[in-house]
């Protein structure tokens, strides 16, 4: 039993010296990377939805700020009311 444990221990120590499961990469690379990074694979302005499909990243339309439209006040004669673009009787 003692010889088995000693042989197992020796084999373990010999194996640790030759193991290189994760080799170290160079810190600075002079070459361009082979992988082009894209935002979630959808492109600019798009993102992955709940089911993995690409969809636009906005909620609703764009915000447009413009001055309010001021229409001139129309004065109708007595007995008439302004409806549908002209003076009409009640």
Foldseek 3Di string as FASTA:
>chain_A
DVVVVVVVVVVVVVVVVPDDPDDDDDPDDPDDDPDDDAALPQHPQWHQDPVGDIDGPDDDDDDDDDDDDDDDDDDDPPQWDDDPHRTHGD
